[in-house]
Amino acid sequence: MLNNSRVTMVNNRVRMQRRKNIGYSIIILFLIAVIVFLTRKLILQPEQAHASDGGYTVYENIVINEQDSLWSIAQKYGSNYNGTIHEYVAILRSINNLNSDTIEAGECLIVPLHVTHTR
């Protein structure tokens, strides 16, 4: 009788541990799915926002060269932007979470490019 109750206790513990492991597995799979979705949405596929002129904004990753400054990048990539270069620099700082205009060669920046449809 004692052995039966002991076996039952061990079996119950094993079942509880399996249920707990299944629960953890489900949570981990859910988190992986969320990470994959966000990665594809935010990084691998360019985000597009439609503008009033029928165009849209595409976000491109660039690598900063030795001679680049935030202002030279703004002049190069902000040519289709409807605001001032100063406003475009502010957008670059905001998108890239920069506290100043200082950037270093080898770093990556996210740069918004306004694209219009031509017919």
C-alpha atoms as a PDB file:
ATOM      1  CA  MET A   1       0.000   0.000   0.000  1.00  0.00           C
ATOM      2  CA  LEU A   2       2.799   2.364   0.864  1.00  0.00           C
ATOM      3  CA  ASN A   3       4.514   1.710  -2.455  1.00  0.00           C
ATOM      4  CA  ASN A   4       1.294   2.416  -4.394  1.00  0.00           C
ATOM      5  CA  SER A   5       0.799   5.815  -2.763  1.00  0.00           C
ATOM      6  CA  ARG A   6       4.451   6.653  -3.286  1.00  0.00           C
ATOM      7  CA  VAL A   7       4.233   5.711  -6.965  1.00  0.00           C
ATOM      8  CA  THR A   8       1.052   7.785  -7.268  1.00  0.00           C
ATOM      9  CA  MET A   9       2.809  10.803  -5.712  1.00  0.00           C
ATOM     10  CA  VAL A  10       5.750  10.450  -8.074  1.00  0.00           C
ATOM     11  CA  ASN A  11       3.400  10.092 -11.055  1.00  0.00           C
ATOM     12  CA  ASN A  12       1.483  13.190  -9.984  1.00  0.00           C
ATOM     13  CA  ARG A  13       4.716  15.187  -9.691  1.00  0.00           C
ATOM     14  CA  VAL A  14       5.818  14.037 -13.129  1.00  0.00           C
ATOM     15  CA  ARG A  15       2.449  15.051 -14.629  1.00  0.00           C
ATOM     16  CA  MET A  16       2.591  18.446 -12.944  1.00  0.00           C
ATOM     17  CA  GLN A  17       6.152  19.014 -14.197  1.00  0.00           C
ATOM     18  CA  ARG A  18       5.111  18.037 -17.744  1.00  0.00           C
ATOM     19  CA  ARG A  19       2.168  20.456 -17.633  1.00  0.00           C
ATOM     20  CA  LYS A  20       4.463  23.186 -16.362  1.00  0.00           C
ATOM     21  CA  ASN A  21       6.995  22.472 -19.148  1.00  0.00           C
ATOM     22  CA  ILE A  22       4.234  22.511 -21.783  1.00  0.00           C
ATOM     23  CA  GLY A  23       3.057  25.875 -20.437  1.00  0.00           C
ATOM     24  CA  TYR A  24       6.582  27.272 -20.635  1.00  0.00           C
ATOM     25  CA  SER A  25       6.955  25.889 -24.163  1.00  0.00           C
ATOM     26  CA  ILE A  26       3.748  27.597 -25.277  1.00  0.00           C
ATOM     27  CA  ILE A  27       4.888  30.917 -23.800  1.00  0.00           C
ATOM     28  CA  ILE A  28       8.304  30.627 -25.460  1.00  0.00           C
ATOM     29  CA  LEU A  29       6.750  29.784 -28.847  1.00  0.00           C
ATOM     30  CA  PHE A  30       4.407  32.766 -28.537  1.00  0.00           C
ATOM     31  CA  LEU A  31       7.306  35.107 -27.711  1.00  0.00           C
ATOM     32  CA  ILE A  32       9.337  33.760 -30.643  1.00  0.00           C
ATOM     33  CA  ALA A  33       6.373  34.341 -32.968  1.00  0.00           C
ATOM     34  CA  VAL A  34       6.030  37.940 -31.714  1.00  0.00           C
ATOM     35  CA  ILE A  35       9.761  38.574 -32.161  1.00  0.00           C
ATOM     36  CA  VAL A  36       9.728  37.144 -35.692  1.00  0.00           C
ATOM     37  CA  PHE A  37       6.692  39.233 -36.606  1.00  0.00           C
ATOM     38  CA  LEU A  38       8.196  42.445 -35.245  1.00  0.00           C
ATOM     39  CA  THR A  39      11.545  41.756 -36.868  1.00  0.00           C
ATOM     40  CA  ARG A  40       9.946  41.236 -40.264  1.00  0.00           C
ATOM     41  CA  LYS A  41       7.668  44.249 -39.846  1.00  0.00           C
ATOM     42  CA  LEU A  42      10.192  46.746 -38.501  1.00  0.00           C
ATOM     43  CA  ILE A  43      13.532  45.689 -39.944  1.00  0.00           C
ATOM     44  CA  LEU A  44      13.282  43.433 -42.961  1.00  0.00           C
ATOM     45  CA  GLN A  45      10.333  45.072 -44.696  1.00  0.00           C
ATOM     46  CA  PRO A  46      10.557  48.830 -45.228  1.00  0.00           C
ATOM     47  CA  GLU A  47       7.852  50.714 -43.415  1.00  0.00           C
ATOM     48  CA  GLN A  48       5.692  52.739 -45.746  1.00  0.00           C
ATOM     49  CA  ALA A  49       3.521  55.699 -44.854  1.00  0.00           C
ATOM     50  CA  HIS A  50       1.413  57.274 -47.590  1.00  0.00           C
ATOM     51  CA  ALA A  51       1.812  60.988 -48.077  1.00  0.00           C
ATOM     52  CA  SER A  52      -0.741  63.469 -49.370  1.00  0.00           C
ATOM     53  CA  ASP A  53       1.056  63.724 -52.727  1.00  0.00           C
ATOM     54  CA  GLY A  54       0.421  60.054 -53.481  1.00  0.00           C
ATOM     55  CA  GLY A  55       3.954  59.094 -52.523  1.00  0.00           C
ATOM     56  CA  TYR A  56       5.187  57.226 -49.508  1.00  0.00           C
ATOM     57  CA  THR A  57       8.118  57.117 -47.135  1.00  0.00           C
ATOM     58  CA  VAL A  58      10.580  54.218 -47.195  1.00  0.00           C
ATOM     59  CA  TYR A  59      13.058  53.755 -44.352  1.00  0.00           C
ATOM     60  CA  GLU A  60      16.547  52.664 -45.416  1.00  0.00           C
ATOM     61  CA  ASN A  61      19.493  51.570 -43.276  1.00  0.00           C
ATOM     62  CA  ILE A  62      22.790  53.224 -44.212  1.00  0.00           C
ATOM     63  CA  VAL A  63      26.325  52.849 -42.859  1.00  0.00           C
ATOM     64  CA  ILE A  64      28.010  56.117 -41.925  1.00  0.00           C
ATOM     65  CA  ASN A  65      31.238  56.874 -43.795  1.00  0.00           C
ATOM     66  CA  GLU A  66      34.258  58.668 -42.328  1.00  0.00           C
ATOM     67  CA  GLN A  67      33.436  62.009 -43.991  1.00  0.00           C
ATOM     68  CA  ASP A  68      29.690  61.927 -43.180  1.00  0.00           C
ATOM     69  CA  SER A  69      27.940  64.223 -40.750  1.00  0.00           C
ATOM     70  CA  LEU A  70      24.266  64.242 -39.815  1.00  0.00           C
ATOM     71  CA  TRP A  71      23.896  67.426 -41.861  1.00  0.00           C
ATOM     72  CA  SER A  72      25.581  65.989 -44.976  1.00  0.00           C
ATOM     73  CA  ILE A  73      23.368  62.902 -44.727  1.00  0.00           C
ATOM     74  CA  ALA A  74      20.315  65.154 -44.384  1.00  0.00           C
ATOM     75  CA  GLN A  75      21.344  67.084 -47.497  1.00  0.00           C
ATOM     76  CA  LYS A  76      21.958  63.872 -49.445  1.00  0.00           C
ATOM     77  CA  TYR A  77      18.852  61.891 -48.437  1.00  0.00           C
ATOM     78  CA  GLY A  78      16.412  64.692 -47.572  1.00  0.00           C
ATOM     79  CA  SER A  79      16.168  66.194 -51.042  1.00  0.00           C
ATOM     80  CA  ASN A  80      12.556  65.020 -51.499  1.00  0.00           C
ATOM     81  CA  TYR A  81      11.528  66.037 -47.976  1.00  0.00           C
ATOM     82  CA  ASN A  82       9.010  68.919 -47.925  1.00  0.00           C
ATOM     83  CA  GLY A  83      10.558  70.648 -44.906  1.00  0.00           C
ATOM     84  CA  THR A  84      13.894  72.272 -44.109  1.00  0.00           C
ATOM     85  CA  ILE A  85      17.227  70.483 -43.674  1.00  0.00           C
ATOM     86  CA  HIS A  86      17.074  71.452 -39.986  1.00  0.00           C
ATOM     87  CA  GLU A  87      13.715  69.639 -39.657  1.00  0.00           C
ATOM     88  CA  TYR A  88      15.098  66.611 -41.516  1.00  0.00           C
ATOM     89  CA  VAL A  89      18.077  66.468 -39.123  1.00  0.00           C
ATOM     90  CA  ALA A  90      15.604  66.556 -36.211  1.00  0.00           C
ATOM     91  CA  ILE A  91      13.731  63.638 -37.813  1.00  0.00           C
ATOM     92  CA  LEU A  92      16.986  61.692 -38.228  1.00  0.00           C
ATOM     93  CA  ARG A  93      17.849  62.303 -34.581  1.00  0.00           C
ATOM     94  CA  SER A  94      14.381  61.208 -33.466  1.00  0.00           C
ATOM     95  CA  ILE A  95      14.218  58.045 -35.591  1.00  0.00           C
ATOM     96  CA  ASN A  96      17.702  56.961 -34.521  1.00  0.00           C
ATOM     97  CA  ASN A  97      17.388  57.987 -30.836  1.00  0.00           C
ATOM     98  CA  LEU A  98      20.341  60.376 -31.058  1.00  0.00           C
ATOM     99  CA  ASN A  99      20.938  62.909 -28.282  1.00  0.00           C
ATOM    100  CA  SER A 100      23.191  65.108 -30.435  1.00  0.00           C
ATOM    101  CA  ASP A 101      24.302  65.615 -34.033  1.00  0.00           C
ATOM    102  CA  THR A 102      27.454  63.574 -33.393  1.00  0.00           C
ATOM    103  CA  ILE A 103      27.754  60.358 -35.414  1.00  0.00           C
ATOM    104  CA  GLU A 104      30.695  58.028 -36.022  1.00  0.00           C
ATOM    105  CA  ALA A 105      31.898  56.111 -39.052  1.00  0.00           C
ATOM    106  CA  GLY A 106      30.714  52.503 -39.115  1.00  0.00           C
ATOM    107  CA  GLU A 107      27.478  53.199 -37.245  1.00  0.00           C
ATOM    108  CA  CYS A 108      24.154  52.500 -38.939  1.00  0.00           C
ATOM    109  CA  LEU A 109      21.395  55.066 -39.381  1.00  0.00           C
ATOM    110  CA  ILE A 110      17.784  54.688 -40.404  1.00  0.00           C
ATOM    111  CA  VAL A 111      17.055  57.280 -43.093  1.00  0.00           C
ATOM    112  CA  PRO A 112      13.541  58.153 -44.326  1.00  0.00           C
ATOM    113  CA  LEU A 113      13.261  58.553 -48.089  1.00  0.00           C
ATOM    114  CA  HIS A 114      10.189  60.174 -49.594  1.00  0.00           C
ATOM    115  CA  VAL A 115       9.188  58.501 -52.844  1.00  0.00           C
ATOM    116  CA  THR A 116       6.620  59.901 -55.253  1.00  0.00           C
ATOM    117  CA  HIS A 117       4.881  58.052 -58.033  1.00  0.00           C
ATOM    118  CA  THR A 118       5.834  59.212 -61.504  1.00  0.00           C
ATOM    119  CA  ARG A 119       3.741  58.413 -64.566  1.00  0.00           C
END
